[in-house]
C-alpha atoms as a PDB file:
ATOM      1  CA  UNK A   1    -257.394-240.214-249.969  1.00  0.00           C
ATOM      2  CA  UNK A   2    -255.090-243.206-250.305  1.00  0.00           C
ATOM      3  CA  UNK A   3    -255.232-246.276-248.055  1.00  0.00           C
ATOM      4  CA  UNK A   4    -252.206-245.246-245.927  1.00  0.00           C
ATOM      5  CA  UNK A   5    -253.660-241.794-245.269  1.00  0.00           C
ATOM      6  CA  UNK A   6    -257.043-243.320-244.383  1.00  0.00           C
ATOM      7  CA  UNK A   7    -255.417-245.808-241.969  1.00  0.00           C
ATOM      8  CA  UNK A   8    -253.465-242.984-240.334  1.00  0.00           C
ATOM      9  CA  UNK A   9    -256.666-241.020-239.735  1.00  0.00           C
ATOM     10  CA  UNK A  10    -258.391-244.087-238.292  1.00  0.00           C
ATOM     11  CA  UNK A  11    -255.499-244.655-235.860  1.00  0.00           C
ATOM     12  CA  UNK A  12    -256.033-241.139-234.488  1.00  0.00           C
ATOM     13  CA  UNK A  13    -259.675-241.760-233.617  1.00  0.00           C
ATOM     14  CA  UNK A  14    -260.702-242.620-230.083  1.00  0.00           C
ATOM     15  CA  UNK A  15    -264.109-244.058-229.264  1.00  0.00           C
ATOM     16  CA  UNK A  16    -265.781-242.013-226.526  1.00  0.00           C
ATOM     17  CA  UNK A  17    -268.133-243.380-223.870  1.00  0.00           C
ATOM     18  CA  UNK A  18    -271.071-242.175-225.958  1.00  0.00           C
ATOM     19  CA  UNK A  19    -269.843-244.234-228.927  1.00  0.00           C
ATOM     20  CA  UNK A  20    -268.819-241.289-231.083  1.00  0.00           C
ATOM     21  CA  UNK A  21    -265.295-240.763-232.385  1.00  0.00           C
ATOM     22  CA  UNK A  22    -262.929-238.021-231.259  1.00  0.00           C
ATOM     23  CA  UNK A  23    -259.700-237.284-233.038  1.00  0.00           C
ATOM     24  CA  UNK A  24    -256.370-237.369-231.236  1.00  0.00           C
ATOM     25  CA  UNK A  25    -254.381-234.232-231.927  1.00  0.00           C
ATOM     26  CA  UNK A  26    -250.758-233.428-231.307  1.00  0.00           C
ATOM     27  CA  UNK A  27    -250.300-229.710-230.756  1.00  0.00           C
ATOM     28  CA  UNK A  28    -246.930-227.974-230.417  1.00  0.00           C
ATOM     29  CA  UNK A  29    -247.082-225.314-227.742  1.00  0.00           C
ATOM     30  CA  UNK A  30    -244.323-222.889-226.833  1.00  0.00           C
ATOM     31  CA  UNK A  31    -244.416-222.547-223.051  1.00  0.00           C
ATOM     32  CA  UNK A  32    -242.710-219.170-222.843  1.00  0.00           C
ATOM     33  CA  UNK A  33    -244.980-217.368-225.302  1.00  0.00           C
ATOM     34  CA  UNK A  34    -248.316-219.152-224.781  1.00  0.00           C
ATOM     35  CA  UNK A  35    -250.882-216.559-223.741  1.00  0.00           C
ATOM     36  CA  UNK A  36    -253.456-217.382-221.079  1.00  0.00           C
ATOM     37  CA  UNK A  37    -256.327-216.908-223.548  1.00  0.00           C
ATOM     38  CA  UNK A  38    -254.633-219.251-226.032  1.00  0.00           C
ATOM     39  CA  UNK A  39    -254.170-221.906-223.355  1.00  0.00           C
ATOM     40  CA  UNK A  40    -257.804-221.685-222.268  1.00  0.00           C
ATOM     41  CA  UNK A  41    -258.908-222.521-225.819  1.00  0.00           C
ATOM     42  CA  UNK A  42    -257.403-225.988-225.412  1.00  0.00           C
ATOM     43  CA  UNK A  43    -259.299-228.608-223.481  1.00  0.00           C
ATOM     44  CA  UNK A  44    -256.972-231.594-223.502  1.00  0.00           C
ATOM     45  CA  UNK A  45    -257.779-234.869-221.828  1.00  0.00           C
ATOM     46  CA  UNK A  46    -254.091-235.763-221.703  1.00  0.00           C
ATOM     47  CA  UNK A  47    -250.928-233.678-221.797  1.00  0.00           C
ATOM     48  CA  UNK A  48    -247.709-235.512-222.622  1.00  0.00           C
ATOM     49  CA  UNK A  49    -244.204-234.295-221.942  1.00  0.00           C
ATOM     50  CA  UNK A  50    -240.848-235.973-222.326  1.00  0.00           C
ATOM     51  CA  UNK A  51    -237.595-234.669-220.926  1.00  0.00           C
ATOM     52  CA  UNK A  52    -239.097-231.248-220.186  1.00  0.00           C
ATOM     53  CA  UNK A  53    -237.589-230.750-216.709  1.00  0.00           C
ATOM     54  CA  UNK A  54    -234.099-229.615-217.608  1.00  0.00           C
ATOM     55  CA  UNK A  55    -233.726-225.829-217.360  1.00  0.00           C
ATOM     56  CA  UNK A  56    -234.712-223.965-214.187  1.00  0.00           C
ATOM     57  CA  UNK A  57    -235.396-220.814-216.240  1.00  0.00           C
ATOM     58  CA  UNK A  58    -238.124-222.653-218.226  1.00  0.00           C
ATOM     59  CA  UNK A  59    -239.815-224.296-215.261  1.00  0.00           C
ATOM     60  CA  UNK A  60    -242.110-221.399-214.238  1.00  0.00           C
ATOM     61  CA  UNK A  61    -243.466-221.319-217.795  1.00  0.00           C
ATOM     62  CA  UNK A  62    -243.923-225.098-217.857  1.00  0.00           C
ATOM     63  CA  UNK A  63    -245.802-225.079-214.548  1.00  0.00           C
ATOM     64  CA  UNK A  64    -248.022-222.166-215.654  1.00  0.00           C
ATOM     65  CA  UNK A  65    -248.966-223.998-218.857  1.00  0.00           C
ATOM     66  CA  UNK A  66    -249.596-227.294-217.049  1.00  0.00           C
ATOM     67  CA  UNK A  67    -251.693-225.616-214.338  1.00  0.00           C
ATOM     68  CA  UNK A  68    -253.871-223.942-216.969  1.00  0.00           C
ATOM     69  CA  UNK A  69    -254.278-226.995-219.195  1.00  0.00           C
ATOM     70  CA  UNK A  70    -254.952-229.431-216.356  1.00  0.00           C
ATOM     71  CA  UNK A  71    -257.660-227.503-214.494  1.00  0.00           C
ATOM     72  CA  UNK A  72    -260.796-229.496-213.828  1.00  0.00           C
ATOM     73  CA  UNK A  73    -263.667-228.280-215.945  1.00  0.00           C
ATOM     74  CA  UNK A  74    -267.304-229.039-216.479  1.00  0.00           C
ATOM     75  CA  UNK A  75    -268.273-230.468-219.852  1.00  0.00           C
ATOM     76  CA  UNK A  76    -271.072-232.466-221.356  1.00  0.00           C
ATOM     77  CA  UNK A  77    -270.691-235.280-223.843  1.00  0.00           C
ATOM     78  CA  UNK A  78    -272.168-232.951-226.485  1.00  0.00           C
ATOM     79  CA  UNK A  79    -269.550-230.242-225.946  1.00  0.00           C
ATOM     80  CA  UNK A  80    -266.738-232.781-225.648  1.00  0.00           C
ATOM     81  CA  UNK A  81    -267.716-234.092-229.088  1.00  0.00           C
ATOM     82  CA  UNK A  82    -268.113-230.656-230.668  1.00  0.00           C
ATOM     83  CA  UNK A  83    -264.580-229.266-230.617  1.00  0.00           C
ATOM     84  CA  UNK A  84    -264.392-229.527-226.825  1.00  0.00           C
ATOM     85  CA  UNK A  85    -266.036-226.165-226.191  1.00  0.00           C
ATOM     86  CA  UNK A  86    -266.873-225.460-222.566  1.00  0.00           C
ATOM     87  CA  UNK A  87    -270.352-226.303-221.356  1.00  0.00           C
ATOM     88  CA  UNK A  88    -272.516-223.398-220.287  1.00  0.00           C
ATOM     89  CA  UNK A  89    -273.581-224.194-216.772  1.00  0.00           C
ATOM     90  CA  UNK A  90    -276.889-223.002-215.368  1.00  0.00           C
ATOM     91  CA  UNK A  91    -275.746-220.618-212.679  1.00  0.00           C
ATOM     92  CA  UNK A  92    -277.727-218.894-210.003  1.00  0.00           C
ATOM     93  CA  UNK A  93    -279.932-221.826-209.081  1.00  0.00           C
ATOM     94  CA  UNK A  94    -280.486-221.557-205.378  1.00  0.00           C
ATOM     95  CA  UNK A  95    -280.993-225.277-204.809  1.00  0.00           C
ATOM     96  CA  UNK A  96    -280.128-228.385-206.760  1.00  0.00           C
ATOM     97  CA  UNK A  97    -281.691-231.761-206.295  1.00  0.00           C
ATOM     98  CA  UNK A  98    -279.485-234.733-205.461  1.00  0.00           C
ATOM     99  CA  UNK A  99    -279.867-235.960-209.038  1.00  0.00           C
ATOM    100  CA  UNK A 100    -278.696-232.619-210.417  1.00  0.00           C
ATOM    101  CA  UNK A 101    -275.682-232.685-208.120  1.00  0.00           C
ATOM    102  CA  UNK A 102    -274.834-236.228-209.175  1.00  0.00           C
ATOM    103  CA  UNK A 103    -275.208-235.340-212.874  1.00  0.00           C
ATOM    104  CA  UNK A 104    -273.041-232.267-212.350  1.00  0.00           C
ATOM    105  CA  UNK A 105    -270.312-234.315-210.662  1.00  0.00           C
ATOM    106  CA  UNK A 106    -270.427-236.877-213.454  1.00  0.00           C
ATOM    107  CA  UNK A 107    -269.874-234.178-216.060  1.00  0.00           C
ATOM    108  CA  UNK A 108    -266.634-232.966-214.505  1.00  0.00           C
ATOM    109  CA  UNK A 109    -263.537-233.968-216.365  1.00  0.00           C
ATOM    110  CA  UNK A 110    -260.067-233.872-214.919  1.00  0.00           C
ATOM    111  CA  UNK A 111    -257.306-233.934-217.483  1.00  0.00           C
ATOM    112  CA  UNK A 112    -254.033-235.606-216.605  1.00  0.00           C
ATOM    113  CA  UNK A 113    -250.464-234.966-217.625  1.00  0.00           C
ATOM    114  CA  UNK A 114    -247.755-237.568-218.049  1.00  0.00           C
ATOM    115  CA  UNK A 115    -244.120-236.554-217.904  1.00  0.00           C
ATOM    116  CA  UNK A 116    -241.248-238.901-218.636  1.00  0.00           C
ATOM    117  CA  UNK A 117    -237.848-237.559-217.711  1.00  0.00           C
ATOM    118  CA  UNK A 118    -234.301-238.307-216.805  1.00  0.00           C
ATOM    119  CA  UNK A 119    -233.427-236.598-213.545  1.00  0.00           C
ATOM    120  CA  UNK A 120    -229.975-235.241-214.306  1.00  0.00           C
ATOM    121  CA  UNK A 121    -229.854-232.531-211.653  1.00  0.00           C
ATOM    122  CA  UNK A 122    -231.744-233.067-208.406  1.00  0.00           C
ATOM    123  CA  UNK A 123    -231.790-229.309-207.636  1.00  0.00           C
ATOM    124  CA  UNK A 124    -233.555-228.592-210.931  1.00  0.00           C
ATOM    125  CA  UNK A 125    -236.034-231.377-210.278  1.00  0.00           C
ATOM    126  CA  UNK A 126    -236.709-230.129-206.738  1.00  0.00           C
ATOM    127  CA  UNK A 127    -237.246-226.636-208.182  1.00  0.00           C
ATOM    128  CA  UNK A 128    -239.896-228.137-210.490  1.00  0.00           C
ATOM    129  CA  UNK A 129    -241.595-229.873-207.537  1.00  0.00           C
ATOM    130  CA  UNK A 130    -241.644-226.621-205.503  1.00  0.00           C
ATOM    131  CA  UNK A 131    -243.070-224.621-208.411  1.00  0.00           C
ATOM    132  CA  UNK A 132    -245.643-227.331-209.114  1.00  0.00           C
ATOM    133  CA  UNK A 133    -246.796-227.217-205.478  1.00  0.00           C
ATOM    134  CA  UNK A 134    -247.091-223.421-205.636  1.00  0.00           C
ATOM    135  CA  UNK A 135    -248.984-223.748-208.934  1.00  0.00           C
ATOM    136  CA  UNK A 136    -251.589-226.101-207.472  1.00  0.00           C
ATOM    137  CA  UNK A 137    -250.321-229.234-209.185  1.00  0.00           C
ATOM    138  CA  UNK A 138    -249.939-232.726-207.786  1.00  0.00           C
ATOM    139  CA  UNK A 139    -246.959-234.700-209.078  1.00  0.00           C
ATOM    140  CA  UNK A 140    -247.103-238.472-208.575  1.00  0.00           C
ATOM    141  CA  UNK A 141    -244.241-240.818-209.403  1.00  0.00           C
ATOM    142  CA  UNK A 142    -245.681-243.869-211.175  1.00  0.00           C
ATOM    143  CA  UNK A 143    -242.373-245.302-212.356  1.00  0.00           C
ATOM    144  CA  UNK A 144    -242.651-248.463-210.273  1.00  0.00           C
ATOM    145  CA  UNK A 145    -246.078-249.335-211.657  1.00  0.00           C
ATOM    146  CA  UNK A 146    -245.526-248.082-215.213  1.00  0.00           C
ATOM    147  CA  UNK A 147    -241.825-248.616-215.862  1.00  0.00           C
ATOM    148  CA  UNK A 148    -240.777-246.976-219.154  1.00  0.00           C
ATOM    149  CA  UNK A 149    -239.644-249.412-221.817  1.00  0.00           C
ATOM    150  CA  UNK A 150    -236.048-249.309-222.984  1.00  0.00           C
ATOM    151  CA  UNK A 151    -237.026-248.701-226.586  1.00  0.00           C
ATOM    152  CA  UNK A 152    -234.236-246.317-227.497  1.00  0.00           C
ATOM    153  CA  UNK A 153    -230.562-247.305-227.436  1.00  0.00           C
ATOM    154  CA  UNK A 154    -229.476-244.087-225.713  1.00  0.00           C
ATOM    155  CA  UNK A 155    -231.575-244.994-222.642  1.00  0.00           C
ATOM    156  CA  UNK A 156    -228.995-247.611-221.680  1.00  0.00           C
ATOM    157  CA  UNK A 157    -226.498-244.796-221.101  1.00  0.00           C
ATOM    158  CA  UNK A 158    -228.554-243.490-218.145  1.00  0.00           C
ATOM    159  CA  UNK A 159    -228.749-244.849-214.638  1.00  0.00           C
ATOM    160  CA  UNK A 160    -232.132-246.659-214.703  1.00  0.00           C
ATOM    161  CA  UNK A 161    -233.110-245.125-211.354  1.00  0.00           C
ATOM    162  CA  UNK A 162    -232.861-241.622-212.873  1.00  0.00           C
ATOM    163  CA  UNK A 163    -235.483-242.401-215.540  1.00  0.00           C
ATOM    164  CA  UNK A 164    -238.859-241.518-214.038  1.00  0.00           C
ATOM    165  CA  UNK A 165    -242.501-241.328-215.131  1.00  0.00           C
ATOM    166  CA  UNK A 166    -244.903-238.931-213.395  1.00  0.00           C
ATOM    167  CA  UNK A 167    -248.554-238.045-213.527  1.00  0.00           C
ATOM    168  CA  UNK A 168    -249.455-234.393-213.135  1.00  0.00           C
ATOM    169  CA  UNK A 169    -252.910-233.310-212.011  1.00  0.00           C
ATOM    170  CA  UNK A 170    -254.469-230.092-210.811  1.00  0.00           C
ATOM    171  CA  UNK A 171    -255.511-229.735-207.189  1.00  0.00           C
ATOM    172  CA  UNK A 172    -258.320-227.409-208.311  1.00  0.00           C
END
């Protein structure tokens, strides 16, 4: 492995709370054809999207994928570090002590989505918001606190107020 390849791998490592490294992965996912079982194999901490709110015909697929990927789930640090497989939870216990309840709450992880977009058509955007509400998603505009940088020349061709940044979380 050459030095550039090694540096690239090191840049994709994220130190977890437990001190171990996790690798950042970028995964291409086709919204329209992604099967539910395929989506449930992923356990992302963060879902990123840019300029994905543009075609009303695609929006139901986008919302379905986001709702599946962003569901709150229970994990332990061990499972998070071993390919993010779901933790097996002891079910059927009639009573839990306060400590068990606190430990259980601490092991819940809620992934978050970030979507950057240019709102070109307000009807399309409102369609996305309606579908997101129906899909159990919360959309929060964070543009004022996390203004996107004007890194690309083409961004100057848009009305700055139409460039928005949103967080997406599951209500479940």
